[in-house]
N, C-alpha and C. Protein backbone atom coordinates (compact mmCIF):
# COMPACT_ATOMS: atom_id res chain seq x y z
N MET A 1 -89.43 -4.50 196.28
CA MET A 1 -88.53 -4.59 197.41
C MET A 1 -87.12 -4.25 196.96
N SER A 2 -86.41 -3.56 197.75
CA SER A 2 -85.07 -3.11 197.45
C SER A 2 -84.07 -4.25 197.64
N PRO A 3 -82.97 -4.28 196.82
CA PRO A 3 -81.97 -5.32 197.03
C PRO A 3 -81.17 -5.12 198.32
N VAL A 4 -81.22 -3.93 198.91
CA VAL A 4 -80.54 -3.70 200.18
C VAL A 4 -81.40 -4.33 201.26
N THR A 5 -80.83 -5.31 201.99
CA THR A 5 -81.67 -6.11 202.88
C THR A 5 -81.54 -5.76 204.35
N THR A 6 -80.43 -5.24 204.80
CA THR A 6 -80.28 -4.96 206.22
C THR A 6 -80.09 -3.46 206.44
N ARG A 7 -80.39 -3.05 207.64
CA ARG A 7 -80.25 -1.64 207.99
C ARG A 7 -78.78 -1.20 207.88
N HIS A 8 -77.90 -2.08 208.33
CA HIS A 8 -76.47 -1.77 208.27
C HIS A 8 -76.01 -1.60 206.82
N ALA A 9 -76.47 -2.48 205.92
CA ALA A 9 -76.08 -2.38 204.51
C ALA A 9 -76.64 -1.10 203.90
N ALA A 10 -77.86 -0.73 204.28
CA ALA A 10 -78.47 0.50 203.75
C ALA A 10 -77.68 1.71 204.23
N GLN A 11 -77.29 1.74 205.49
CA GLN A 11 -76.51 2.87 206.01
C GLN A 11 -75.15 2.95 205.33
N ARG A 12 -74.53 1.81 205.11
CA ARG A 12 -73.23 1.78 204.45
C ARG A 12 -73.36 2.35 203.03
N LEU A 13 -74.40 1.94 202.32
CA LEU A 13 -74.64 2.44 200.97
C LEU A 13 -74.94 3.93 200.99
N LEU A 14 -75.74 4.36 201.96
CA LEU A 14 -76.07 5.79 202.07
C LEU A 14 -74.82 6.64 202.24
N TRP A 15 -73.96 6.26 203.17
CA TRP A 15 -72.79 7.08 203.43
C TRP A 15 -71.77 7.00 202.32
N ALA A 16 -71.76 5.90 201.56
CA ALA A 16 -70.90 5.86 200.38
C ALA A 16 -71.40 6.85 199.33
N GLY A 17 -72.74 7.01 199.24
CA GLY A 17 -73.32 7.94 198.28
C GLY A 17 -73.27 9.38 198.72
N VAL A 18 -73.32 9.62 200.03
CA VAL A 18 -73.33 10.99 200.55
C VAL A 18 -72.05 11.72 200.15
N ARG A 19 -70.96 11.01 200.13
CA ARG A 19 -69.68 11.63 199.76
C ARG A 19 -69.70 12.16 198.34
N LYS A 20 -70.51 11.54 197.48
CA LYS A 20 -70.56 11.95 196.07
C LYS A 20 -71.73 12.87 195.77
N LEU A 21 -72.68 13.01 196.69
CA LEU A 21 -73.82 13.90 196.47
C LEU A 21 -73.37 15.36 196.48
N PRO A 22 -73.89 16.18 195.55
CA PRO A 22 -73.60 17.60 195.65
C PRO A 22 -74.30 18.15 196.90
N GLY A 23 -73.54 18.77 197.75
CA GLY A 23 -74.11 19.28 199.00
C GLY A 23 -73.92 18.32 200.16
N GLY A 24 -73.52 17.08 199.89
CA GLY A 24 -73.20 16.10 200.92
C GLY A 24 -74.29 15.84 201.93
N GLU A 25 -73.98 16.04 203.21
CA GLU A 25 -74.91 15.72 204.29
C GLU A 25 -76.15 16.62 204.26
N ASP A 26 -76.00 17.85 203.83
CA ASP A 26 -77.17 18.73 203.77
C ASP A 26 -78.19 18.21 202.78
N THR A 27 -77.72 17.71 201.65
CA THR A 27 -78.63 17.12 200.66
C THR A 27 -79.29 15.87 201.24
N LEU A 28 -78.53 15.06 201.97
CA LEU A 28 -79.10 13.86 202.60
C LEU A 28 -80.18 14.24 203.60
N ARG A 29 -79.93 15.25 204.42
CA ARG A 29 -80.94 15.70 205.39
C ARG A 29 -82.21 16.16 204.69
N ALA A 30 -82.05 16.86 203.57
CA ALA A 30 -83.22 17.30 202.81
C ALA A 30 -83.99 16.10 202.26
N LEU A 31 -83.28 15.08 201.80
CA LEU A 31 -83.94 13.88 201.28
C LEU A 31 -84.68 13.13 202.38
N VAL A 32 -84.08 13.07 203.57
CA VAL A 32 -84.74 12.41 204.71
C VAL A 32 -86.00 13.18 205.08
N ALA A 33 -85.93 14.50 205.10
CA ALA A 33 -87.11 15.32 205.40
C ALA A 33 -88.20 15.09 204.36
N GLN A 34 -87.80 14.94 203.09
CA GLN A 34 -88.80 14.65 202.04
C GLN A 34 -89.49 13.32 202.28
N VAL A 35 -88.72 12.32 202.70
CA VAL A 35 -89.31 11.01 203.00
C VAL A 35 -90.30 11.14 204.14
N ASN A 36 -89.92 11.86 205.20
CA ASN A 36 -90.82 12.05 206.34
C ASN A 36 -92.07 12.83 205.94
N ASP A 37 -91.92 13.87 205.10
CA ASP A 37 -93.08 14.63 204.64
C ASP A 37 -93.99 13.77 203.78
N ARG A 38 -93.40 13.00 202.87
CA ARG A 38 -94.18 12.19 201.96
C ARG A 38 -94.96 11.10 202.70
N ASP A 39 -94.31 10.43 203.64
CA ASP A 39 -94.93 9.31 204.34
C ASP A 39 -95.72 9.74 205.56
N GLY A 40 -95.52 10.97 206.01
CA GLY A 40 -96.22 11.44 207.21
C GLY A 40 -95.67 10.84 208.48
N THR A 41 -94.49 10.29 208.42
CA THR A 41 -93.89 9.70 209.61
C THR A 41 -93.10 10.76 210.37
N ASN A 42 -92.89 10.51 211.62
CA ASN A 42 -92.09 11.38 212.49
C ASN A 42 -92.61 12.81 212.54
N ALA A 43 -93.93 12.97 212.39
CA ALA A 43 -94.52 14.31 212.42
C ALA A 43 -94.36 14.97 213.78
N ASP A 44 -94.26 14.16 214.83
CA ASP A 44 -94.10 14.71 216.17
C ASP A 44 -92.76 15.41 216.35
N SER A 45 -91.77 15.09 215.51
CA SER A 45 -90.46 15.72 215.66
C SER A 45 -90.17 16.75 214.56
N LYS A 46 -91.22 17.18 213.83
CA LYS A 46 -91.02 18.17 212.77
C LYS A 46 -90.48 19.46 213.37
N GLU A 47 -89.66 20.16 212.62
CA GLU A 47 -89.01 21.41 213.05
C GLU A 47 -87.92 21.17 214.09
N THR A 48 -87.47 19.92 214.27
CA THR A 48 -86.34 19.64 215.16
C THR A 48 -85.22 19.04 214.32
N ASP A 49 -84.04 18.92 214.91
CA ASP A 49 -82.90 18.33 214.20
C ASP A 49 -83.13 16.85 213.90
N GLY A 50 -83.86 16.16 214.76
CA GLY A 50 -84.10 14.73 214.59
C GLY A 50 -85.01 14.41 213.42
N TYR A 51 -85.74 15.39 212.91
CA TYR A 51 -86.67 15.16 211.82
C TYR A 51 -85.94 14.75 210.54
N SER A 52 -84.76 15.25 210.35
CA SER A 52 -84.01 14.93 209.13
C SER A 52 -82.89 13.92 209.41
N SER A 53 -83.00 13.17 210.49
CA SER A 53 -82.02 12.16 210.83
C SER A 53 -82.46 10.79 210.31
N THR A 54 -81.52 10.00 209.85
CA THR A 54 -81.85 8.66 209.34
C THR A 54 -82.19 7.69 210.46
N LYS A 55 -81.89 8.03 211.70
CA LYS A 55 -82.15 7.13 212.82
C LYS A 55 -83.64 6.85 212.99
N ARG A 56 -84.47 7.81 212.64
CA ARG A 56 -85.91 7.65 212.85
C ARG A 56 -86.63 6.96 211.70
N LEU A 57 -85.94 6.70 210.61
CA LEU A 57 -86.55 6.03 209.47
C LEU A 57 -86.70 4.54 209.75
N THR A 58 -87.75 3.97 209.19
CA THR A 58 -87.90 2.52 209.30
C THR A 58 -86.91 1.85 208.35
N ASP A 59 -86.75 0.54 208.49
CA ASP A 59 -85.81 -0.18 207.63
C ASP A 59 -86.21 -0.07 206.15
N VAL A 60 -87.49 -0.14 205.87
CA VAL A 60 -87.97 -0.05 204.49
C VAL A 60 -87.69 1.34 203.93
N GLN A 61 -87.97 2.38 204.71
CA GLN A 61 -87.72 3.74 204.26
C GLN A 61 -86.22 3.96 204.04
N LEU A 62 -85.41 3.45 204.94
CA LEU A 62 -83.96 3.62 204.82
C LEU A 62 -83.43 2.91 203.57
N ALA A 63 -83.94 1.70 203.30
CA ALA A 63 -83.51 0.96 202.12
C ALA A 63 -83.91 1.70 200.84
N ALA A 64 -85.13 2.25 200.81
CA ALA A 64 -85.58 3.00 199.64
C ALA A 64 -84.74 4.26 199.44
N LEU A 65 -84.44 4.95 200.52
CA LEU A 65 -83.61 6.15 200.44
C LEU A 65 -82.20 5.80 199.95
N ALA A 66 -81.65 4.70 200.44
CA ALA A 66 -80.32 4.28 200.02
C ALA A 66 -80.30 3.96 198.52
N GLU A 67 -81.33 3.30 198.03
CA GLU A 67 -81.42 3.00 196.60
C GLU A 67 -81.52 4.29 195.79
N ASP A 68 -82.31 5.26 196.28
CA ASP A 68 -82.45 6.54 195.59
C ASP A 68 -81.10 7.25 195.50
N VAL A 69 -80.38 7.30 196.61
CA VAL A 69 -79.07 7.95 196.63
C VAL A 69 -78.10 7.20 195.72
N ARG A 70 -78.16 5.87 195.75
CA ARG A 70 -77.29 5.07 194.89
C ARG A 70 -77.50 5.42 193.43
N ARG A 71 -78.76 5.52 193.00
CA ARG A 71 -79.07 5.87 191.61
C ARG A 71 -78.61 7.29 191.27
N ARG A 72 -78.80 8.23 192.19
CA ARG A 72 -78.44 9.63 191.93
C ARG A 72 -76.94 9.81 191.69
N VAL A 73 -76.13 9.09 192.47
CA VAL A 73 -74.69 9.27 192.35
C VAL A 73 -74.03 8.26 191.43
N GLY A 74 -74.79 7.28 190.94
CA GLY A 74 -74.26 6.32 189.98
C GLY A 74 -73.42 5.21 190.57
N LEU A 75 -73.71 4.82 191.81
CA LEU A 75 -73.00 3.69 192.41
C LEU A 75 -73.54 2.38 191.83
N PRO A 76 -72.73 1.33 191.77
CA PRO A 76 -73.23 0.06 191.26
C PRO A 76 -74.25 -0.55 192.22
N PRO A 77 -75.14 -1.38 191.71
CA PRO A 77 -76.13 -2.01 192.61
C PRO A 77 -75.46 -2.92 193.62
N ALA A 78 -76.15 -3.15 194.73
CA ALA A 78 -75.62 -4.00 195.80
C ALA A 78 -75.43 -5.42 195.26
N SER A 79 -74.35 -6.05 195.67
CA SER A 79 -74.04 -7.40 195.23
C SER A 79 -74.95 -8.40 195.93
N LYS A 80 -75.35 -9.42 195.20
CA LYS A 80 -76.17 -10.46 195.79
C LYS A 80 -75.31 -11.54 196.44
N LEU A 81 -73.98 -11.48 196.23
CA LEU A 81 -73.07 -12.44 196.85
C LEU A 81 -72.88 -12.10 198.32
N PRO A 82 -72.68 -13.11 199.15
CA PRO A 82 -72.41 -12.82 200.56
C PRO A 82 -71.05 -12.14 200.69
N ARG A 83 -70.90 -11.35 201.74
CA ARG A 83 -69.64 -10.66 201.97
C ARG A 83 -68.65 -11.62 202.62
N GLY A 84 -67.38 -11.35 202.43
CA GLY A 84 -66.32 -12.18 202.98
C GLY A 84 -66.13 -11.92 204.46
N PRO A 85 -65.15 -12.60 205.06
CA PRO A 85 -64.95 -12.50 206.51
C PRO A 85 -64.54 -11.11 206.98
N ARG A 86 -63.92 -10.33 206.11
CA ARG A 86 -63.50 -8.99 206.51
C ARG A 86 -64.25 -7.92 205.73
N GLY A 87 -65.40 -8.26 205.19
CA GLY A 87 -66.24 -7.29 204.50
C GLY A 87 -66.04 -7.24 203.01
N GLY A 88 -65.02 -7.89 202.48
CA GLY A 88 -64.76 -7.85 201.05
C GLY A 88 -65.49 -8.97 200.33
N LYS A 89 -64.97 -9.33 199.17
CA LYS A 89 -65.57 -10.41 198.39
C LYS A 89 -65.38 -11.72 199.13
N PRO A 90 -66.30 -12.66 198.97
CA PRO A 90 -66.12 -13.95 199.63
C PRO A 90 -64.92 -14.68 199.04
N ARG A 91 -64.26 -15.47 199.87
CA ARG A 91 -63.08 -16.19 199.41
C ARG A 91 -63.43 -17.22 198.34
N ARG A 92 -64.52 -17.89 198.54
CA ARG A 92 -64.97 -18.90 197.58
C ARG A 92 -66.42 -18.61 197.24
N PRO A 93 -66.82 -18.92 196.01
CA PRO A 93 -68.24 -18.75 195.71
C PRO A 93 -69.08 -19.72 196.54
N THR A 94 -70.30 -19.32 196.80
CA THR A 94 -71.20 -20.17 197.58
C THR A 94 -71.47 -21.45 196.80
N PRO A 95 -71.25 -22.61 197.42
CA PRO A 95 -71.46 -23.85 196.68
C PRO A 95 -72.94 -24.07 196.36
N ILE A 96 -73.16 -24.72 195.24
CA ILE A 96 -74.54 -25.00 194.83
C ILE A 96 -75.13 -26.08 195.74
N ALA A 97 -74.36 -27.10 196.00
CA ALA A 97 -74.85 -28.20 196.85
C ALA A 97 -74.60 -27.86 198.31
N ASP A 98 -75.44 -28.37 199.17
CA ASP A 98 -75.28 -28.17 200.60
C ASP A 98 -74.15 -29.07 201.10
N PRO A 99 -73.09 -28.48 201.69
CA PRO A 99 -71.96 -29.32 202.10
C PRO A 99 -72.31 -30.30 203.20
N GLU A 100 -73.36 -30.04 203.95
CA GLU A 100 -73.75 -30.96 205.02
C GLU A 100 -74.39 -32.22 204.46
N THR A 101 -75.02 -32.12 203.31
CA THR A 101 -75.68 -33.29 202.74
C THR A 101 -74.88 -33.94 201.62
N THR A 102 -73.85 -33.26 201.11
CA THR A 102 -73.03 -33.80 200.04
C THR A 102 -71.87 -34.57 200.64
N THR A 103 -71.66 -35.78 200.15
CA THR A 103 -70.58 -36.61 200.64
C THR A 103 -69.61 -36.87 199.50
N PHE A 104 -68.33 -36.60 199.74
CA PHE A 104 -67.31 -36.86 198.75
C PHE A 104 -66.56 -38.11 199.18
N ILE A 105 -66.48 -39.07 198.28
CA ILE A 105 -65.83 -40.34 198.57
C ILE A 105 -64.31 -40.11 198.63
N ALA A 106 -63.66 -40.76 199.58
CA ALA A 106 -62.22 -40.62 199.73
C ALA A 106 -61.52 -41.30 198.56
N SER A 107 -60.45 -40.68 198.12
CA SER A 107 -59.68 -41.27 197.02
C SER A 107 -58.72 -42.32 197.58
N ASP A 108 -58.20 -43.14 196.67
CA ASP A 108 -57.22 -44.14 197.09
C ASP A 108 -55.96 -43.45 197.61
N GLY A 109 -55.62 -42.32 197.02
CA GLY A 109 -54.45 -41.57 197.46
C GLY A 109 -54.57 -41.10 198.91
N GLU A 110 -55.78 -40.70 199.30
CA GLU A 110 -55.99 -40.27 200.69
C GLU A 110 -55.80 -41.44 201.65
N ARG A 111 -56.34 -42.59 201.28
CA ARG A 111 -56.20 -43.76 202.15
C ARG A 111 -54.73 -44.21 202.25
N VAL A 112 -54.02 -44.17 201.13
CA VAL A 112 -52.61 -44.54 201.12
C VAL A 112 -51.81 -43.57 201.99
N TYR A 113 -52.14 -42.29 201.94
CA TYR A 113 -51.45 -41.28 202.74
C TYR A 113 -51.67 -41.53 204.23
N VAL A 114 -52.88 -41.91 204.62
CA VAL A 114 -53.16 -42.22 206.03
C VAL A 114 -52.30 -43.41 206.47
N GLU A 115 -52.20 -44.44 205.62
CA GLU A 115 -51.36 -45.60 205.95
C GLU A 115 -49.90 -45.19 206.06
N TYR A 116 -49.44 -44.29 205.18
CA TYR A 116 -48.07 -43.77 205.23
C TYR A 116 -47.80 -43.08 206.56
N LEU A 117 -48.76 -42.26 207.02
CA LEU A 117 -48.59 -41.57 208.29
C LEU A 117 -48.53 -42.55 209.46
N PHE A 118 -49.38 -43.58 209.43
CA PHE A 118 -49.34 -44.60 210.48
C PHE A 118 -47.97 -45.29 210.52
N ARG A 119 -47.42 -45.62 209.34
CA ARG A 119 -46.10 -46.28 209.28
C ARG A 119 -45.02 -45.37 209.85
N LEU A 120 -45.06 -44.08 209.51
CA LEU A 120 -44.06 -43.14 210.04
C LEU A 120 -44.12 -43.05 211.56
N LEU A 121 -45.33 -43.12 212.10
CA LEU A 121 -45.50 -43.03 213.56
C LEU A 121 -45.15 -44.35 214.25
N GLY A 122 -45.01 -45.42 213.46
CA GLY A 122 -44.65 -46.71 214.04
C GLY A 122 -45.84 -47.47 214.59
N TRP A 123 -47.03 -47.19 214.09
CA TRP A 123 -48.23 -47.89 214.55
C TRP A 123 -48.39 -49.15 213.70
N GLU A 124 -47.74 -50.21 214.11
CA GLU A 124 -47.81 -51.47 213.37
C GLU A 124 -49.03 -52.29 213.77
N ASP A 125 -49.55 -52.08 214.96
CA ASP A 125 -50.68 -52.85 215.47
C ASP A 125 -51.96 -52.39 214.77
N ASN A 126 -52.55 -53.27 213.98
CA ASN A 126 -53.75 -52.91 213.22
C ASN A 126 -54.95 -52.64 214.12
N SER A 127 -55.01 -53.28 215.29
CA SER A 127 -56.15 -53.04 216.17
C SER A 127 -56.09 -51.61 216.74
N GLU A 128 -54.87 -51.13 217.06
CA GLU A 128 -54.73 -49.75 217.54
C GLU A 128 -55.08 -48.75 216.44
N ARG A 129 -54.65 -49.03 215.21
CA ARG A 129 -55.01 -48.17 214.08
C ARG A 129 -56.52 -48.12 213.92
N ALA A 130 -57.14 -49.29 213.97
CA ALA A 130 -58.59 -49.36 213.77
C ALA A 130 -59.33 -48.59 214.87
N LYS A 131 -58.87 -48.71 216.11
CA LYS A 131 -59.51 -47.97 217.21
C LYS A 131 -59.38 -46.46 217.00
N PHE A 132 -58.19 -46.01 216.56
CA PHE A 132 -57.97 -44.59 216.33
C PHE A 132 -58.88 -44.08 215.21
N VAL A 133 -58.93 -44.82 214.11
CA VAL A 133 -59.78 -44.41 212.98
C VAL A 133 -61.24 -44.41 213.40
N GLU A 134 -61.67 -45.40 214.15
CA GLU A 134 -63.05 -45.49 214.64
C GLU A 134 -63.39 -44.27 215.50
N ARG A 135 -62.48 -43.91 216.39
CA ARG A 135 -62.71 -42.78 217.29
C ARG A 135 -62.75 -41.46 216.52
N GLN A 136 -61.81 -41.26 215.59
CA GLN A 136 -61.73 -39.99 214.86
C GLN A 136 -62.87 -39.80 213.87
N THR A 137 -63.36 -40.88 213.27
CA THR A 137 -64.39 -40.77 212.23
C THR A 137 -65.79 -41.08 212.75
N ARG A 138 -65.91 -41.32 214.03
CA ARG A 138 -67.20 -41.65 214.64
C ARG A 138 -67.85 -42.87 213.98
N GLY A 139 -67.01 -43.83 213.66
CA GLY A 139 -67.52 -45.12 213.21
C GLY A 139 -67.70 -45.30 211.72
N ILE A 140 -67.40 -44.33 210.88
CA ILE A 140 -67.64 -44.53 209.44
C ILE A 140 -66.41 -45.02 208.69
N GLY A 141 -65.26 -45.01 209.31
CA GLY A 141 -64.06 -45.49 208.65
C GLY A 141 -63.50 -44.46 207.68
N LEU A 142 -62.64 -44.92 206.78
CA LEU A 142 -61.99 -44.03 205.82
C LEU A 142 -62.71 -44.01 204.47
N ARG A 143 -64.03 -43.93 204.50
CA ARG A 143 -64.79 -43.96 203.25
C ARG A 143 -64.96 -42.60 202.62
N THR A 144 -65.00 -41.53 203.43
CA THR A 144 -65.26 -40.20 202.88
C THR A 144 -64.03 -39.31 203.02
N HIS A 145 -64.04 -38.25 202.23
CA HIS A 145 -62.95 -37.26 202.27
C HIS A 145 -62.88 -36.62 203.66
N ARG A 146 -64.03 -36.27 204.21
CA ARG A 146 -64.08 -35.63 205.53
C ARG A 146 -63.51 -36.56 206.61
N ALA A 147 -63.80 -37.85 206.51
CA ALA A 147 -63.28 -38.81 207.50
C ALA A 147 -61.76 -38.93 207.37
N CYS A 148 -61.24 -38.93 206.15
CA CYS A 148 -59.79 -39.00 205.96
C CYS A 148 -59.11 -37.77 206.54
N ILE A 149 -59.71 -36.61 206.38
CA ILE A 149 -59.15 -35.38 206.96
C ILE A 149 -59.17 -35.48 208.48
N ALA A 150 -60.26 -36.03 209.04
CA ALA A 150 -60.37 -36.16 210.50
C ALA A 150 -59.28 -37.08 211.07
N VAL A 151 -58.77 -37.99 210.28
CA VAL A 151 -57.70 -38.88 210.73
C VAL A 151 -56.33 -38.27 210.41
N THR A 152 -56.21 -37.63 209.26
CA THR A 152 -54.93 -37.10 208.80
C THR A 152 -54.41 -35.96 209.68
N VAL A 153 -55.28 -35.04 210.06
CA VAL A 153 -54.85 -33.86 210.81
C VAL A 153 -54.18 -34.23 212.15
N PRO A 154 -54.78 -35.08 212.98
CA PRO A 154 -54.08 -35.41 214.23
C PRO A 154 -52.80 -36.21 214.01
N LEU A 155 -52.78 -37.05 212.97
CA LEU A 155 -51.56 -37.81 212.70
C LEU A 155 -50.42 -36.87 212.28
N GLU A 156 -50.73 -35.87 211.44
CA GLU A 156 -49.71 -34.90 211.03
C GLU A 156 -49.23 -34.09 212.24
N ARG A 157 -50.15 -33.74 213.13
CA ARG A 157 -49.76 -33.01 214.34
C ARG A 157 -48.80 -33.86 215.19
N MET A 158 -49.08 -35.15 215.32
CA MET A 158 -48.20 -36.03 216.09
C MET A 158 -46.81 -36.10 215.46
N LEU A 159 -46.76 -36.14 214.14
CA LEU A 159 -45.46 -36.18 213.47
C LEU A 159 -44.68 -34.90 213.71
N ARG A 160 -45.34 -33.76 213.65
CA ARG A 160 -44.67 -32.49 213.90
C ARG A 160 -44.13 -32.44 215.33
N GLU A 161 -44.92 -32.95 216.28
CA GLU A 161 -44.48 -32.97 217.68
C GLU A 161 -43.24 -33.85 217.86
N ARG A 162 -43.10 -34.84 217.02
CA ARG A 162 -41.95 -35.74 217.10
C ARG A 162 -40.75 -35.23 216.29
N GLY A 163 -40.87 -34.05 215.70
CA GLY A 163 -39.74 -33.43 215.01
C GLY A 163 -39.70 -33.67 213.51
N PHE A 164 -40.70 -34.28 212.94
CA PHE A 164 -40.71 -34.49 211.50
C PHE A 164 -40.97 -33.16 210.79
N ILE A 165 -40.42 -33.03 209.59
CA ILE A 165 -40.62 -31.84 208.77
C ILE A 165 -41.27 -32.29 207.46
N VAL A 166 -42.25 -31.52 207.01
CA VAL A 166 -42.96 -31.86 205.79
C VAL A 166 -42.42 -31.03 204.64
N THR A 167 -42.28 -31.67 203.48
CA THR A 167 -41.98 -30.96 202.24
C THR A 167 -43.06 -31.35 201.24
N GLU A 168 -43.44 -30.40 200.43
CA GLU A 168 -44.51 -30.67 199.47
C GLU A 168 -44.03 -30.28 198.09
N LYS A 169 -44.17 -31.21 197.15
CA LYS A 169 -43.79 -30.95 195.77
C LYS A 169 -44.84 -31.59 194.88
N ASP A 170 -45.40 -30.81 193.99
CA ASP A 170 -46.44 -31.28 193.06
C ASP A 170 -47.60 -31.92 193.81
N HIS A 171 -48.03 -31.29 194.89
CA HIS A 171 -49.16 -31.74 195.70
C HIS A 171 -48.91 -33.08 196.39
N VAL A 172 -47.65 -33.44 196.57
CA VAL A 172 -47.31 -34.67 197.29
C VAL A 172 -46.51 -34.29 198.52
N LYS A 173 -47.02 -34.68 199.69
CA LYS A 173 -46.32 -34.38 200.95
C LYS A 173 -45.36 -35.52 201.27
N THR A 174 -44.15 -35.12 201.69
CA THR A 174 -43.14 -36.09 202.12
C THR A 174 -42.67 -35.66 203.49
N TRP A 175 -42.64 -36.61 204.42
CA TRP A 175 -42.22 -36.33 205.78
C TRP A 175 -40.81 -36.88 206.00
N ALA A 176 -39.99 -36.10 206.70
CA ALA A 176 -38.63 -36.55 206.99
C ALA A 176 -38.18 -35.99 208.32
N ARG A 177 -37.26 -36.73 208.96
CA ARG A 177 -36.67 -36.22 210.21
C ARG A 177 -35.58 -35.25 209.82
N PRO A 178 -35.39 -34.19 210.63
CA PRO A 178 -34.32 -33.21 210.28
C PRO A 178 -32.94 -33.78 210.45
């Protein structure tokens, strides 16, 4: 099986190689005709322009042809890494652990920061704080990193709406009124 897995990836690889092939598109058309002759596919369209078109090839045939062209022109093999949001390299490597099943415990610093934000907002009533944390974390409290983020983000938004400005130095955020 070829490392090229999708039709789109095979076409992208093909056209990257066509630019470097001697003869360019004419050589590609000849290669497609060879695939059709060898496999006996598309015999009904022989002697027409569509016979040497990549549109009529199956996904497997297209992937094999793309690999052949890649080898002929010396392109590097297709990457096994997922592509990034704009087609380039991914921003972060794929994590080994599944993020949905992995739980990161909140640090003491995260909990202290949440308390700091509550004090800046003037939420002195512990029952109101508890209700807010309960609502934002769906009942788990400030035990996990994800839960602390779920509480921190709306609190920071409230501070910005009230005119506070954040400064960050050595990974420590400080909030102040202008």
